[in-house]
């Protein structure tokens, strides 16, 4: 039995965060279905569908899922030694992406029917097993000072900006440009804040 008093709370963080991410991602993808706008061009859909499209283009991006694994790795590693934190981060990061994949395709089945265990599910579960632990470990490394910690905390904003260049949102979406601008702006702000924090820490040594 999990005892929160004994500090085992971190075991459930990854699964809970993953289920939330996967379920919400699938739900926002189905807003046009719920509103009967599937046959309408993406740029001509109503306000709620456009808002869902904006959220969907962010939540469907690989960097957003990677960011969740990194965030969970950072959360579960706080206040413990680095080695233990890295182990926690790796386990939690893997659980996060595995749970997110299970929840995403599970909610898809609720909306669309069909089978849950297909090629796409297998592919992303394998990717989650392979990528979740390293990303969670990166989150744990954020607590380190110096270049390692700086690089770890820069991974997500750099990855988000890079994906907007290499794999931008589809141009037929009215939300494509707002999403790109928002992600770039957030990445720049994050990088500036990280740089200021790094310089301030160096100045106090």
C-alpha atoms as a PDB file:
ATOM      1  CA  UNK A   1       0.000   0.000   0.000  1.00  0.00           C
ATOM      2  CA  UNK A   2       1.328   3.425  -0.945  1.00  0.00           C
ATOM      3  CA  UNK A   3       2.096   5.578   2.077  1.00  0.00           C
ATOM      4  CA  UNK A   4       2.165   9.292   1.411  1.00  0.00           C
ATOM      5  CA  UNK A   5       3.755   9.860   4.790  1.00  0.00           C
ATOM      6  CA  UNK A   6       6.707   7.672   3.789  1.00  0.00           C
ATOM      7  CA  UNK A   7       7.332   9.777   0.699  1.00  0.00           C
ATOM      8  CA  UNK A   8       5.980   7.343  -1.874  1.00  0.00           C
ATOM      9  CA  UNK A   9       3.637   9.983  -3.306  1.00  0.00           C
ATOM     10  CA  UNK A  10       5.907  10.309  -6.329  1.00  0.00           C
ATOM     11  CA  UNK A  11       4.870   6.851  -7.568  1.00  0.00           C
ATOM     12  CA  UNK A  12       1.433   8.108  -8.642  1.00  0.00           C
ATOM     13  CA  UNK A  13       2.507  11.441 -10.140  1.00  0.00           C
ATOM     14  CA  UNK A  14       3.544  10.005 -13.502  1.00  0.00           C
ATOM     15  CA  UNK A  15       0.424   7.903 -14.121  1.00  0.00           C
ATOM     16  CA  UNK A  16      -1.932  10.700 -13.029  1.00  0.00           C
ATOM     17  CA  UNK A  17      -0.183  13.319 -15.178  1.00  0.00           C
ATOM     18  CA  UNK A  18      -0.052  10.932 -18.128  1.00  0.00           C
ATOM     19  CA  UNK A  19      -3.715   9.982 -17.967  1.00  0.00           C
ATOM     20  CA  UNK A  20      -4.668  13.667 -17.747  1.00  0.00           C
ATOM     21  CA  UNK A  21      -2.512  14.564 -20.755  1.00  0.00           C
ATOM     22  CA  UNK A  22      -3.683  11.693 -22.947  1.00  0.00           C
ATOM     23  CA  UNK A  23      -7.367  12.047 -22.100  1.00  0.00           C
ATOM     24  CA  UNK A  24      -7.466  15.824 -22.547  1.00  0.00           C
ATOM     25  CA  UNK A  25      -5.560  15.574 -25.833  1.00  0.00           C
ATOM     26  CA  UNK A  26      -8.025  13.068 -27.246  1.00  0.00           C
ATOM     27  CA  UNK A  27     -11.050  15.023 -26.008  1.00  0.00           C
ATOM     28  CA  UNK A  28      -9.992  18.328 -27.576  1.00  0.00           C
ATOM     29  CA  UNK A  29      -9.326  16.478 -30.841  1.00  0.00           C
ATOM     30  CA  UNK A  30     -12.961  15.388 -30.849  1.00  0.00           C
ATOM     31  CA  UNK A  31     -14.575  18.770 -30.161  1.00  0.00           C
ATOM     32  CA  UNK A  32     -15.436  19.271 -33.876  1.00  0.00           C
ATOM     33  CA  UNK A  33     -17.091  15.823 -33.819  1.00  0.00           C
ATOM     34  CA  UNK A  34     -19.145  16.745 -30.757  1.00  0.00           C
ATOM     35  CA  UNK A  35     -20.195  20.007 -32.403  1.00  0.00           C
ATOM     36  CA  UNK A  36     -21.046  18.407 -35.748  1.00  0.00           C
ATOM     37  CA  UNK A  37     -18.408  20.354 -37.676  1.00  0.00           C
ATOM     38  CA  UNK A  38     -16.352  17.494 -39.078  1.00  0.00           C
ATOM     39  CA  UNK A  39     -17.499  18.229 -42.628  1.00  0.00           C
ATOM     40  CA  UNK A  40     -16.664  21.933 -42.276  1.00  0.00           C
ATOM     41  CA  UNK A  41     -13.281  23.238 -43.417  1.00  0.00           C
ATOM     42  CA  UNK A  42     -10.922  23.643 -40.462  1.00  0.00           C
ATOM     43  CA  UNK A  43     -10.558  27.386 -41.037  1.00  0.00           C
ATOM     44  CA  UNK A  44     -14.357  27.894 -41.100  1.00  0.00           C
ATOM     45  CA  UNK A  45     -15.313  26.125 -37.878  1.00  0.00           C
ATOM     46  CA  UNK A  46     -16.873  27.905 -34.913  1.00  0.00           C
ATOM     47  CA  UNK A  47     -15.175  29.531 -31.950  1.00  0.00           C
ATOM     48  CA  UNK A  48     -15.189  26.501 -29.656  1.00  0.00           C
ATOM     49  CA  UNK A  49     -13.751  24.307 -32.375  1.00  0.00           C
ATOM     50  CA  UNK A  50     -11.067  26.890 -33.124  1.00  0.00           C
ATOM     51  CA  UNK A  51     -10.122  27.050 -29.447  1.00  0.00           C
ATOM     52  CA  UNK A  52      -9.988  23.255 -29.378  1.00  0.00           C
ATOM     53  CA  UNK A  53      -7.881  23.317 -32.555  1.00  0.00           C
ATOM     54  CA  UNK A  54      -5.390  25.643 -30.871  1.00  0.00           C
ATOM     55  CA  UNK A  55      -5.153  23.338 -27.858  1.00  0.00           C
ATOM     56  CA  UNK A  56      -5.000  20.263 -30.074  1.00  0.00           C
ATOM     57  CA  UNK A  57      -2.091  21.564 -32.155  1.00  0.00           C
ATOM     58  CA  UNK A  58      -0.136  22.081 -28.943  1.00  0.00           C
ATOM     59  CA  UNK A  59      -1.140  18.894 -27.120  1.00  0.00           C
ATOM     60  CA  UNK A  60      -0.602  16.721 -30.200  1.00  0.00           C
ATOM     61  CA  UNK A  61       2.971  17.982 -30.589  1.00  0.00           C
ATOM     62  CA  UNK A  62       5.801  15.726 -29.527  1.00  0.00           C
ATOM     63  CA  UNK A  63       7.434  18.514 -27.547  1.00  0.00           C
ATOM     64  CA  UNK A  64       4.350  18.851 -25.324  1.00  0.00           C
ATOM     65  CA  UNK A  65       4.442  15.170 -24.383  1.00  0.00           C
ATOM     66  CA  UNK A  66       8.190  15.388 -23.829  1.00  0.00           C
ATOM     67  CA  UNK A  67       7.630  18.458 -21.649  1.00  0.00           C
ATOM     68  CA  UNK A  68       5.208  16.524 -19.440  1.00  0.00           C
ATOM     69  CA  UNK A  69       7.744  13.741 -18.898  1.00  0.00           C
ATOM     70  CA  UNK A  70      10.454  16.308 -18.091  1.00  0.00           C
ATOM     71  CA  UNK A  71       8.137  18.202 -15.731  1.00  0.00           C
ATOM     72  CA  UNK A  72       7.161  15.042 -13.877  1.00  0.00           C
ATOM     73  CA  UNK A  73      10.820  14.002 -13.645  1.00  0.00           C
ATOM     74  CA  UNK A  74      11.623  17.356 -12.086  1.00  0.00           C
ATOM     75  CA  UNK A  75       8.704  17.198  -9.640  1.00  0.00           C
ATOM     76  CA  UNK A  76       9.443  13.729  -8.295  1.00  0.00           C
ATOM     77  CA  UNK A  77      13.183  14.381  -7.924  1.00  0.00           C
ATOM     78  CA  UNK A  78      12.944  17.510  -5.813  1.00  0.00           C
ATOM     79  CA  UNK A  79      14.413  17.300  -2.327  1.00  0.00           C
ATOM     80  CA  UNK A  80      16.284  14.018  -2.842  1.00  0.00           C
ATOM     81  CA  UNK A  81      19.847  13.127  -3.745  1.00  0.00           C
ATOM     82  CA  UNK A  82      20.752  13.374  -7.413  1.00  0.00           C
ATOM     83  CA  UNK A  83      21.157   9.620  -8.011  1.00  0.00           C
ATOM     84  CA  UNK A  84      17.832   8.803  -6.346  1.00  0.00           C
ATOM     85  CA  UNK A  85      16.210  11.717  -8.158  1.00  0.00           C
ATOM     86  CA  UNK A  86      17.432  10.475 -11.526  1.00  0.00           C
ATOM     87  CA  UNK A  87      16.018   7.018 -10.802  1.00  0.00           C
ATOM     88  CA  UNK A  88      12.706   8.502  -9.727  1.00  0.00           C
ATOM     89  CA  UNK A  89      12.683  10.754 -12.769  1.00  0.00           C
ATOM     90  CA  UNK A  90      13.365   7.878 -15.162  1.00  0.00           C
ATOM     91  CA  UNK A  91      10.596   5.712 -13.695  1.00  0.00           C
ATOM     92  CA  UNK A  92       8.117   8.586 -13.513  1.00  0.00           C
ATOM     93  CA  UNK A  93       8.922   9.800 -17.026  1.00  0.00           C
ATOM     94  CA  UNK A  94       8.319   6.358 -18.469  1.00  0.00           C
ATOM     95  CA  UNK A  95       5.069   5.935 -16.522  1.00  0.00           C
ATOM     96  CA  UNK A  96       3.922   9.363 -17.686  1.00  0.00           C
ATOM     97  CA  UNK A  97       4.211   8.672 -21.404  1.00  0.00           C
ATOM     98  CA  UNK A  98       2.955   5.088 -21.142  1.00  0.00           C
ATOM     99  CA  UNK A  99      -0.117   6.244 -19.201  1.00  0.00           C
ATOM    100  CA  UNK A 100      -0.671   9.121 -21.622  1.00  0.00           C
ATOM    101  CA  UNK A 101      -0.608   6.748 -24.601  1.00  0.00           C
ATOM    102  CA  UNK A 102      -2.987   4.287 -22.935  1.00  0.00           C
ATOM    103  CA  UNK A 103      -5.409   7.078 -22.008  1.00  0.00           C
ATOM    104  CA  UNK A 104      -5.213   8.786 -25.406  1.00  0.00           C
ATOM    105  CA  UNK A 105      -6.114   5.706 -27.414  1.00  0.00           C
ATOM    106  CA  UNK A 106      -8.589   4.584 -24.774  1.00  0.00           C
ATOM    107  CA  UNK A 107     -10.570   7.816 -25.110  1.00  0.00           C
ATOM    108  CA  UNK A 108     -10.261   7.556 -28.906  1.00  0.00           C
ATOM    109  CA  UNK A 109     -11.989   4.168 -28.714  1.00  0.00           C
ATOM    110  CA  UNK A 110     -14.806   5.686 -26.643  1.00  0.00           C
ATOM    111  CA  UNK A 111     -15.399   8.342 -29.301  1.00  0.00           C
ATOM    112  CA  UNK A 112     -14.626   6.412 -32.480  1.00  0.00           C
ATOM    113  CA  UNK A 113     -15.122   2.758 -31.605  1.00  0.00           C
ATOM    114  CA  UNK A 114     -12.787   0.214 -33.125  1.00  0.00           C
ATOM    115  CA  UNK A 115      -9.993  -1.577 -31.292  1.00  0.00           C
ATOM    116  CA  UNK A 116      -7.532  -0.151 -28.799  1.00  0.00           C
ATOM    117  CA  UNK A 117      -4.593  -2.467 -29.513  1.00  0.00           C
ATOM    118  CA  UNK A 118      -3.531  -1.577 -33.048  1.00  0.00           C
ATOM    119  CA  UNK A 119      -0.311  -0.603 -34.821  1.00  0.00           C
ATOM    120  CA  UNK A 120      -0.425   3.035 -33.683  1.00  0.00           C
ATOM    121  CA  UNK A 121      -0.899   2.055 -30.040  1.00  0.00           C
ATOM    122  CA  UNK A 122       1.989  -0.407 -30.177  1.00  0.00           C
ATOM    123  CA  UNK A 123       4.252   2.116 -31.904  1.00  0.00           C
ATOM    124  CA  UNK A 124       3.667   4.871 -29.359  1.00  0.00           C
ATOM    125  CA  UNK A 125       3.890   2.525 -26.394  1.00  0.00           C
ATOM    126  CA  UNK A 126       7.314   1.419 -27.608  1.00  0.00           C
ATOM    127  CA  UNK A 127       8.283   5.073 -28.103  1.00  0.00           C
ATOM    128  CA  UNK A 128       7.054   5.857 -24.586  1.00  0.00           C
ATOM    129  CA  UNK A 129       9.135   3.059 -23.083  1.00  0.00           C
ATOM    130  CA  UNK A 130      12.221   4.228 -24.992  1.00  0.00           C
ATOM    131  CA  UNK A 131      11.872   8.003 -24.557  1.00  0.00           C
ATOM    132  CA  UNK A 132      10.025   8.428 -21.260  1.00  0.00           C
ATOM    133  CA  UNK A 133      12.865   7.408 -18.911  1.00  0.00           C
ATOM    134  CA  UNK A 134      15.526   9.623 -20.589  1.00  0.00           C
ATOM    135  CA  UNK A 135      13.162  12.591 -20.555  1.00  0.00           C
ATOM    136  CA  UNK A 136      12.307  12.017 -16.905  1.00  0.00           C
ATOM    137  CA  UNK A 137      16.019  11.835 -16.142  1.00  0.00           C
ATOM    138  CA  UNK A 138      16.511  15.178 -17.884  1.00  0.00           C
ATOM    139  CA  UNK A 139      13.853  16.598 -15.566  1.00  0.00           C
ATOM    140  CA  UNK A 140      15.785  15.309 -12.561  1.00  0.00           C
ATOM    141  CA  UNK A 141      18.988  16.924 -13.871  1.00  0.00           C
ATOM    142  CA  UNK A 142      17.357  20.354 -13.790  1.00  0.00           C
ATOM    143  CA  UNK A 143      18.190  20.540 -10.086  1.00  0.00           C
ATOM    144  CA  UNK A 144      21.900  20.449 -10.916  1.00  0.00           C
ATOM    145  CA  UNK A 145      23.782  23.709 -11.132  1.00  0.00           C
ATOM    146  CA  UNK A 146      26.145  24.580 -13.947  1.00  0.00           C
ATOM    147  CA  UNK A 147      25.938  23.703 -17.653  1.00  0.00           C
ATOM    148  CA  UNK A 148      24.223  20.339 -17.100  1.00  0.00           C
ATOM    149  CA  UNK A 149      21.277  21.882 -15.285  1.00  0.00           C
ATOM    150  CA  UNK A 150      21.052  24.726 -17.791  1.00  0.00           C
ATOM    151  CA  UNK A 151      21.009  22.369 -20.771  1.00  0.00           C
ATOM    152  CA  UNK A 152      18.406  20.192 -19.077  1.00  0.00           C
ATOM    153  CA  UNK A 153      16.047  23.073 -18.468  1.00  0.00           C
ATOM    154  CA  UNK A 154      16.570  24.398 -22.008  1.00  0.00           C
ATOM    155  CA  UNK A 155      15.648  21.087 -23.647  1.00  0.00           C
ATOM    156  CA  UNK A 156      11.896  21.676 -23.752  1.00  0.00           C
ATOM    157  CA  UNK A 157      11.845  25.279 -25.068  1.00  0.00           C
ATOM    158  CA  UNK A 158      14.539  24.440 -27.625  1.00  0.00           C
ATOM    159  CA  UNK A 159      12.663  21.331 -28.724  1.00  0.00           C
ATOM    160  CA  UNK A 160       9.392  23.240 -29.004  1.00  0.00           C
ATOM    161  CA  UNK A 161      10.939  25.970 -31.157  1.00  0.00           C
ATOM    162  CA  UNK A 162      12.700  23.413 -33.343  1.00  0.00           C
ATOM    163  CA  UNK A 163       9.521  21.438 -33.939  1.00  0.00           C
ATOM    164  CA  UNK A 164       7.720  24.589 -35.044  1.00  0.00           C
ATOM    165  CA  UNK A 165      10.391  24.952 -37.726  1.00  0.00           C
ATOM    166  CA  UNK A 166      10.751  21.325 -38.841  1.00  0.00           C
ATOM    167  CA  UNK A 167       7.160  20.122 -38.275  1.00  0.00           C
ATOM    168  CA  UNK A 168       4.938  23.216 -38.250  1.00  0.00           C
ATOM    169  CA  UNK A 169       1.163  22.996 -37.793  1.00  0.00           C
ATOM    170  CA  UNK A 170      -0.820  22.313 -40.987  1.00  0.00           C
ATOM    171  CA  UNK A 171      -1.334  25.533 -42.966  1.00  0.00           C
ATOM    172  CA  UNK A 172      -5.025  24.785 -43.617  1.00  0.00           C
ATOM    173  CA  UNK A 173      -5.712  25.390 -39.930  1.00  0.00           C
ATOM    174  CA  UNK A 174      -6.611  28.947 -38.904  1.00  0.00           C
ATOM    175  CA  UNK A 175      -4.766  28.294 -35.651  1.00  0.00           C
ATOM    176  CA  UNK A 176      -1.481  27.298 -37.325  1.00  0.00           C
ATOM    177  CA  UNK A 177       0.082  30.748 -37.199  1.00  0.00           C
ATOM    178  CA  UNK A 178      -1.182  31.653 -33.683  1.00  0.00           C
ATOM    179  CA  UNK A 179       0.210  28.357 -32.367  1.00  0.00           C
ATOM    180  CA  UNK A 180       3.603  28.921 -33.993  1.00  0.00           C
ATOM    181  CA  UNK A 181       3.838  32.467 -32.648  1.00  0.00           C
ATOM    182  CA  UNK A 182       2.718  31.402 -29.165  1.00  0.00           C
ATOM    183  CA  UNK A 183       5.212  28.533 -28.984  1.00  0.00           C
ATOM    184  CA  UNK A 184       8.078  30.650 -30.284  1.00  0.00           C
ATOM    185  CA  UNK A 185       7.244  33.457 -27.864  1.00  0.00           C
ATOM    186  CA  UNK A 186       7.018  31.061 -24.925  1.00  0.00           C
ATOM    187  CA  UNK A 187      10.318  29.435 -25.916  1.00  0.00           C
ATOM    188  CA  UNK A 188      12.079  32.799 -26.130  1.00  0.00           C
ATOM    189  CA  UNK A 189      10.684  33.981 -22.790  1.00  0.00           C
ATOM    190  CA  UNK A 190      11.694  30.700 -21.143  1.00  0.00           C
ATOM    191  CA  UNK A 191      15.204  30.919 -22.591  1.00  0.00           C
ATOM    192  CA  UNK A 192      15.622  34.506 -21.390  1.00  0.00           C
ATOM    193  CA  UNK A 193      14.418  33.658 -17.878  1.00  0.00           C
ATOM    194  CA  UNK A 194      16.734  30.640 -17.730  1.00  0.00           C
ATOM    195  CA  UNK A 195      19.679  32.717 -18.931  1.00  0.00           C
ATOM    196  CA  UNK A 196      18.984  35.413 -16.318  1.00  0.00           C
ATOM    197  CA  UNK A 197      18.734  32.820 -13.572  1.00  0.00           C
ATOM    198  CA  UNK A 198      21.995  31.201 -14.664  1.00  0.00           C
ATOM    199  CA  UNK A 199      23.838  34.528 -14.728  1.00  0.00           C
ATOM    200  CA  UNK A 200      22.418  35.475 -11.329  1.00  0.00           C
ATOM    201  CA  UNK A 201      23.573  32.183  -9.807  1.00  0.00           C
ATOM    202  CA  UNK A 202      27.048  32.652 -11.237  1.00  0.00           C
ATOM    203  CA  UNK A 203      27.169  36.155  -9.815  1.00  0.00           C
ATOM    204  CA  UNK A 204      26.464  34.920  -6.301  1.00  0.00           C
ATOM    205  CA  UNK A 205      29.384  32.473  -6.291  1.00  0.00           C
END
